Amino acid sequence: MRTYVPPERVYLERFPPHLGQFHKTRVQRVTGCIVVHDAENIIDLQGEDTGGEGVASFIQNRTDFGSYHDVADFDSRIQLGRYGWTMFHCVGANSWTTSVSFACRTGDFRTMPPERLAGFMRHGAEAVADQIEWYATQGIQVPLRRLTAAEAKAGKPGFVDHARMDPGRRSDPGQWFPWEGFFQAIKVELERRDNGDDEDMAKTWSLNDLGATLDNVGAFYARDVQRTHREAGREATAEMVADAVRLGRNGWHDEVVKTLKAGTDPIKLLEFVEWALANPEAAKKL
């Protein structure tokens, strides 16, 4: 199995949530149990799928608790939190599990077109393969098997429905979730990595590496709002500056994701973003 390589920064490090959505420690040892969710958002079936990005943004801005380690949609996956963190995704099991969520509703697994479903499974498998590699660094091998709630609570490794862990309140990922297809997609992804096919993975790491550049974007927007207020004879408040940073970073992040999905070389994209920051007036004319 390939050695786990963590990203430089995950989504909630690049875009800190308004309300704490994780603990950076665990009070219990992980068991190798992966809880499978769906986010119950409205599925995006038109062209580019922005569902995963929407779920990530919702978690960053939400005013109550709820988060995942990974979220996947038709054409992307986003790692929200580090696997050593306690994310708030399953009451009573947060500290000893990891999680993956699909950006759709339970019924969508029955009705979405086959090619759409295959994309969801493929990107969910990419996320889970990272989790499996991380668990290996903890001395835990995760089998591709579905667990009952009793087995999960007894410390067995594998996969469990959110509904099985919280039947009184949750139903995800639902009766139409394609468990066999999901396990097959994970198997294919692990075999792909063992065979050294890391082209797609390189693009994922390149996206994570853009976090530092997005910090520069935020700083640029902060300076801009301060400058425009000074020119108007007043000072920008700390809240105005924070809003400018958030809007700038989030806006550029969304554009970066769209551009990468269109097939642009990540390094060329990074160079363009840096150029645009250094030449804002010229960039505005594009």
Protein backbone atom coordinates (compact mmCIF):
# COMPACT_ATOMS: atom_id res chain seq x y z
CA MET A 1 0.00 0.00 0.00
CA ARG A 2 1.19 3.52 -0.81
CA THR A 3 2.48 5.57 2.15
CA TYR A 4 0.01 8.22 3.26
CA VAL A 5 1.05 11.77 2.33
CA PRO A 6 -1.04 14.44 4.10
CA PRO A 7 -2.01 17.62 2.25
CA GLU A 8 -0.22 20.80 3.21
CA ARG A 9 -3.50 22.27 4.42
CA VAL A 10 -7.09 21.08 4.40
CA TYR A 11 -10.16 23.17 3.59
CA LEU A 12 -11.01 24.23 7.15
CA GLU A 13 -7.42 25.32 7.68
CA ARG A 14 -7.57 27.51 4.58
CA PHE A 15 -11.05 28.77 5.45
CA PRO A 16 -11.47 28.64 9.25
CA PRO A 17 -15.10 28.04 10.27
CA HIS A 18 -17.10 30.71 12.05
CA LEU A 19 -18.02 28.12 14.70
CA GLY A 20 -15.55 25.46 15.84
CA GLN A 21 -16.37 22.36 13.77
CA PHE A 22 -13.61 20.06 15.04
CA HIS A 23 -11.14 19.27 17.80
CA LYS A 24 -7.52 18.85 16.78
CA THR A 25 -7.19 15.90 19.18
CA ARG A 26 -9.09 12.70 19.96
CA VAL A 27 -10.07 11.46 23.42
CA GLN A 28 -10.38 7.88 22.15
CA ARG A 29 -8.21 5.80 19.86
CA VAL A 30 -9.50 5.40 16.32
CA THR A 31 -10.74 1.93 15.41
CA GLY A 32 -10.70 2.01 11.61
CA CYS A 33 -14.43 2.67 11.37
CA ILE A 34 -15.51 4.97 8.51
CA VAL A 35 -19.01 6.45 8.79
CA VAL A 36 -20.76 7.06 5.46
CA HIS A 37 -23.12 10.03 5.13
CA ASP A 38 -24.89 12.14 2.60
CA ALA A 39 -25.18 15.87 3.19
CA GLU A 40 -28.89 16.16 2.26
CA ASN A 41 -28.18 19.10 -0.03
CA ILE A 42 -29.92 19.63 -3.35
CA ILE A 43 -27.93 17.74 -5.95
CA ASP A 44 -26.30 19.67 -8.79
CA LEU A 45 -27.06 17.81 -12.05
CA GLN A 46 -26.30 20.57 -14.54
CA GLY A 47 -22.78 20.62 -16.01
CA GLU A 48 -20.06 21.17 -13.44
CA ASP A 49 -21.05 19.80 -10.04
CA THR A 50 -20.53 22.43 -7.34
CA GLY A 51 -22.31 20.41 -4.66
CA GLY A 52 -19.16 19.46 -2.75
CA GLU A 53 -17.92 23.04 -2.76
CA GLY A 54 -21.33 24.18 -1.56
CA VAL A 55 -21.30 21.73 1.35
CA ALA A 56 -17.77 22.81 2.30
CA SER A 57 -18.78 26.49 2.25
CA PHE A 58 -21.92 25.72 4.27
CA ILE A 59 -19.86 23.97 6.97
CA GLN A 60 -17.40 26.86 7.08
CA ASN A 61 -20.22 29.36 7.59
CA ARG A 62 -22.79 27.35 9.55
CA THR A 63 -23.89 28.55 13.00
CA ASP A 64 -24.49 25.10 14.48
CA PHE A 65 -22.26 22.05 14.73
CA GLY A 66 -21.78 19.53 11.94
CA SER A 67 -18.79 18.59 9.81
CA TYR A 68 -17.07 15.74 7.94
CA HIS A 69 -13.52 14.69 7.15
CA ASP A 70 -14.26 14.48 3.41
CA VAL A 71 -17.07 15.44 1.06
CA ALA A 72 -17.45 14.09 -2.50
CA ASP A 73 -19.58 14.96 -5.51
CA PHE A 74 -19.65 13.95 -9.18
CA ASP A 75 -16.39 15.60 -10.18
CA SER A 76 -14.43 16.42 -7.02
CA ARG A 77 -13.64 15.57 -3.42
CA ILE A 78 -12.66 18.03 -0.71
CA GLN A 79 -10.83 17.11 2.46
CA LEU A 80 -12.36 19.35 5.11
CA GLY A 81 -10.47 18.11 8.18
CA ARG A 82 -7.37 16.13 8.99
CA TYR A 83 -7.94 12.49 9.83
CA GLY A 84 -6.38 12.92 13.25
CA TRP A 85 -9.02 15.51 14.10
CA THR A 86 -12.35 14.85 15.79
CA MET A 87 -15.02 16.05 13.35
CA PHE A 88 -18.64 16.45 14.49
CA HIS A 89 -20.46 14.03 12.21
CA CYS A 90 -21.91 11.18 14.29
CA VAL A 91 -23.14 11.62 17.86
CA GLY A 92 -21.33 9.28 20.23
CA ALA A 93 -18.78 8.14 17.65
CA ASN A 94 -16.94 11.30 16.63
CA SER A 95 -13.76 10.60 18.55
CA TRP A 96 -13.01 7.11 17.22
CA THR A 97 -14.22 7.28 13.60
CA THR A 98 -13.56 9.12 10.36
CA SER A 99 -16.22 10.20 7.89
CA VAL A 100 -17.06 10.70 4.24
CA SER A 101 -20.17 12.44 2.96
CA PHE A 102 -21.72 12.62 -0.50
CA ALA A 103 -23.12 15.96 -1.69
CA CYS A 104 -26.66 14.77 -2.40
CA ARG A 105 -29.80 13.36 -0.75
CA THR A 106 -30.57 9.74 0.04
CA GLY A 107 -33.11 9.44 -2.77
CA ASP A 108 -30.62 10.73 -5.33
CA PHE A 109 -28.69 7.45 -5.24
CA ARG A 110 -31.76 5.83 -6.82
CA THR A 111 -32.51 8.47 -9.46
CA MET A 112 -29.22 10.04 -10.60
CA PRO A 113 -27.94 8.96 -14.05
CA PRO A 114 -25.46 6.02 -13.98
CA GLU A 115 -22.51 8.14 -15.15
CA ARG A 116 -23.27 10.66 -12.39
CA LEU A 117 -23.42 7.93 -9.78
CA ALA A 118 -20.11 6.51 -11.02
CA GLY A 119 -18.49 9.93 -10.53
CA PHE A 120 -19.81 10.16 -6.97
CA MET A 121 -18.46 6.71 -6.19
CA ARG A 122 -15.07 7.44 -7.78
CA HIS A 123 -14.49 10.63 -5.82
CA GLY A 124 -15.81 9.12 -2.60
CA ALA A 125 -13.37 6.27 -3.19
CA GLU A 126 -10.49 8.74 -3.56
CA ALA A 127 -11.34 10.22 -0.17
CA VAL A 128 -11.71 6.83 1.49
CA ALA A 129 -8.46 5.55 -0.03
CA ASP A 130 -6.68 8.45 1.71
CA GLN A 131 -8.41 7.52 4.97
CA ILE A 132 -7.41 3.87 4.58
CA GLU A 133 -3.79 4.91 3.94
CA TRP A 134 -3.90 7.13 7.03
CA TYR A 135 -5.33 4.32 9.15
CA ALA A 136 -2.41 2.15 8.04
CA THR A 137 -0.06 4.67 9.68
CA GLN A 138 -2.01 4.04 12.90
CA GLY A 139 -1.46 0.28 12.57
CA ILE A 140 -5.04 -0.39 11.44
CA GLN A 141 -6.11 -2.26 8.29
CA VAL A 142 -9.60 -1.31 7.09
CA PRO A 143 -11.47 -4.11 5.28
CA LEU A 144 -14.06 -3.34 2.62
CA ARG A 145 -16.98 -4.58 4.67
CA ARG A 146 -20.17 -3.05 6.01
CA LEU A 147 -20.60 -3.04 9.78
CA THR A 148 -23.62 -3.20 12.03
CA ALA A 149 -23.83 -0.54 14.72
CA ALA A 150 -22.94 -3.16 17.34
CA GLU A 151 -19.82 -4.19 15.41
CA ALA A 152 -18.76 -0.56 14.96
CA LYS A 153 -19.24 0.19 18.65
CA ALA A 154 -17.29 -2.94 19.53
CA GLY A 155 -14.28 -1.49 17.73
CA LYS A 156 -14.30 -3.48 14.49
CA PRO A 157 -12.84 -1.71 11.43
CA GLY A 158 -14.93 -1.22 8.30
CA PHE A 159 -17.78 0.96 7.07
CA VAL A 160 -21.05 1.85 8.72
CA ASP A 161 -24.12 3.85 7.68
CA HIS A 162 -24.80 7.02 9.63
CA ALA A 163 -28.38 5.73 9.96
CA ARG A 164 -27.23 2.56 11.71
CA MET A 165 -25.32 4.62 14.26
CA ASP A 166 -28.15 7.10 14.90
CA PRO A 167 -31.40 5.37 13.79
CA GLY A 168 -33.72 7.62 15.74
CA ARG A 169 -32.61 10.76 13.92
CA ARG A 170 -30.74 9.89 10.72
CA SER A 171 -31.46 7.86 7.56
CA ASP A 172 -28.37 8.49 5.43
CA PRO A 173 -26.93 7.32 3.14
CA GLY A 174 -30.19 5.42 2.67
CA GLN A 175 -31.53 2.19 1.24
CA TRP A 176 -30.45 3.01 -2.33
CA PHE A 177 -26.80 3.65 -1.52
CA PRO A 178 -24.76 1.29 -3.80
CA TRP A 179 -22.51 -0.38 -1.26
CA GLU A 180 -21.13 -2.98 -3.66
CA GLY A 181 -20.36 -0.34 -6.26
CA PHE A 182 -18.72 1.86 -3.63
CA PHE A 183 -16.48 -0.96 -2.40
CA GLN A 184 -15.54 -1.80 -5.98
CA ALA A 185 -14.62 1.85 -6.64
CA ILE A 186 -12.42 1.87 -3.51
CA LYS A 187 -10.73 -1.34 -4.61
CA VAL A 188 -10.03 0.13 -8.06
CA GLU A 189 -8.64 3.33 -6.53
CA LEU A 190 -6.32 1.44 -4.17
CA GLU A 191 -5.09 -0.75 -7.03
CA ARG A 192 -4.52 2.35 -9.17
CA ARG A 193 -2.33 3.83 -6.45
CA ASP A 194 -0.43 0.58 -5.97
CA ASN A 195 0.32 0.64 -9.70
CA GLY A 196 1.80 4.13 -9.40
CA ASP A 197 -0.85 6.05 -11.37
CA ASP A 198 -0.74 9.32 -9.45
CA GLU A 199 -1.61 11.87 -12.13
CA ASP A 200 -5.00 12.69 -10.62
CA MET A 201 -3.52 12.68 -7.14
CA ALA A 202 -0.89 15.22 -8.19
CA LYS A 203 -3.68 17.57 -9.26
CA THR A 204 -5.31 17.18 -5.84
CA TRP A 205 -2.09 18.07 -4.02
CA SER A 206 -1.56 21.02 -6.36
CA LEU A 207 -4.99 22.31 -5.39
CA ASN A 208 -4.08 22.02 -1.72
CA ASP A 209 -0.80 23.84 -2.37
CA LEU A 210 -2.77 26.81 -3.71
CA GLY A 211 -3.81 27.53 -0.11
CA ALA A 212 -0.76 29.75 0.45
CA THR A 213 -1.61 31.75 -2.65
CA LEU A 214 -5.20 32.14 -1.47
CA ASP A 215 -3.82 33.64 1.74
CA ASN A 216 -2.08 36.22 -0.44
CA VAL A 217 -5.39 36.85 -2.19
CA GLY A 218 -7.05 37.50 1.17
CA ALA A 219 -4.29 39.89 2.19
CA PHE A 220 -4.65 41.76 -1.12
CA TYR A 221 -8.40 42.21 -0.59
CA ALA A 222 -7.78 43.41 2.97
CA ARG A 223 -5.30 46.04 1.78
CA ASP A 224 -7.68 47.09 -0.99
CA VAL A 225 -10.64 47.72 1.33
CA GLN A 226 -8.39 49.63 3.75
CA ARG A 227 -7.02 51.76 0.91
CA THR A 228 -10.42 52.62 -0.57
CA HIS A 229 -11.74 53.63 2.86
CA ARG A 230 -8.70 55.80 3.56
CA GLU A 231 -9.14 57.54 0.22
CA ALA A 232 -12.74 58.25 1.24
CA GLY A 233 -11.53 59.81 4.51
CA ARG A 234 -12.55 57.03 6.89
CA GLU A 235 -11.13 53.83 8.35
CA ALA A 236 -12.32 50.32 7.50
CA THR A 237 -13.52 48.41 10.54
CA ALA A 238 -12.02 45.07 11.53
CA GLU A 239 -15.29 43.40 10.45
CA MET A 240 -15.06 45.01 7.00
CA VAL A 241 -11.49 43.79 6.59
CA ALA A 242 -12.41 40.26 7.72
CA ASP A 243 -15.35 40.18 5.28
CA ALA A 244 -13.09 41.34 2.45
CA VAL A 245 -10.57 38.60 3.22
CA ARG A 246 -13.27 35.92 3.35
CA LEU A 247 -15.00 37.06 0.17
CA GLY A 248 -11.71 37.34 -1.70
CA ARG A 249 -10.41 33.94 -0.68
CA ASN A 250 -13.70 32.15 -1.21
CA GLY A 251 -14.24 33.77 -4.60
CA TRP A 252 -10.76 32.92 -5.86
CA HIS A 253 -11.01 29.40 -4.44
CA ASP A 254 -14.22 28.79 -6.40
CA GLU A 255 -12.59 30.08 -9.59
CA VAL A 256 -9.52 27.92 -8.98
CA VAL A 257 -11.67 24.80 -8.56
CA LYS A 258 -13.62 25.53 -11.76
CA THR A 259 -10.42 26.11 -13.71
CA LEU A 260 -8.74 22.95 -12.46
CA LYS A 261 -11.83 20.93 -13.32
CA ALA A 262 -11.60 22.32 -16.86
CA GLY A 263 -8.16 20.73 -17.17
CA THR A 264 -5.79 23.66 -16.67
CA ASP A 265 -2.26 22.79 -15.54
CA PRO A 266 -2.19 23.57 -11.77
CA ILE A 267 1.25 25.18 -11.95
CA LYS A 268 0.17 27.51 -14.76
CA LEU A 269 -2.92 28.39 -12.74
CA LEU A 270 -0.79 29.19 -9.69
CA GLU A 271 1.48 31.39 -11.80
CA PHE A 272 -1.55 33.22 -13.20
CA VAL A 273 -3.00 33.90 -9.74
CA GLU A 274 0.33 35.29 -8.54
CA TRP A 275 0.56 37.47 -11.68
CA ALA A 276 -2.97 38.78 -11.14
CA LEU A 277 -2.12 39.76 -7.57
CA ALA A 278 0.98 41.62 -8.74
CA ASN A 279 -0.89 43.28 -11.64
CA PRO A 280 -4.45 43.92 -10.40
CA GLU A 281 -5.29 46.63 -12.93
CA ALA A 282 -4.19 44.49 -15.88
CA ALA A 283 -6.05 41.48 -14.42
CA LYS A 284 -9.29 43.45 -14.21
CA LYS A 285 -9.21 43.96 -17.98
CA LEU A 286 -9.17 40.21 -18.73
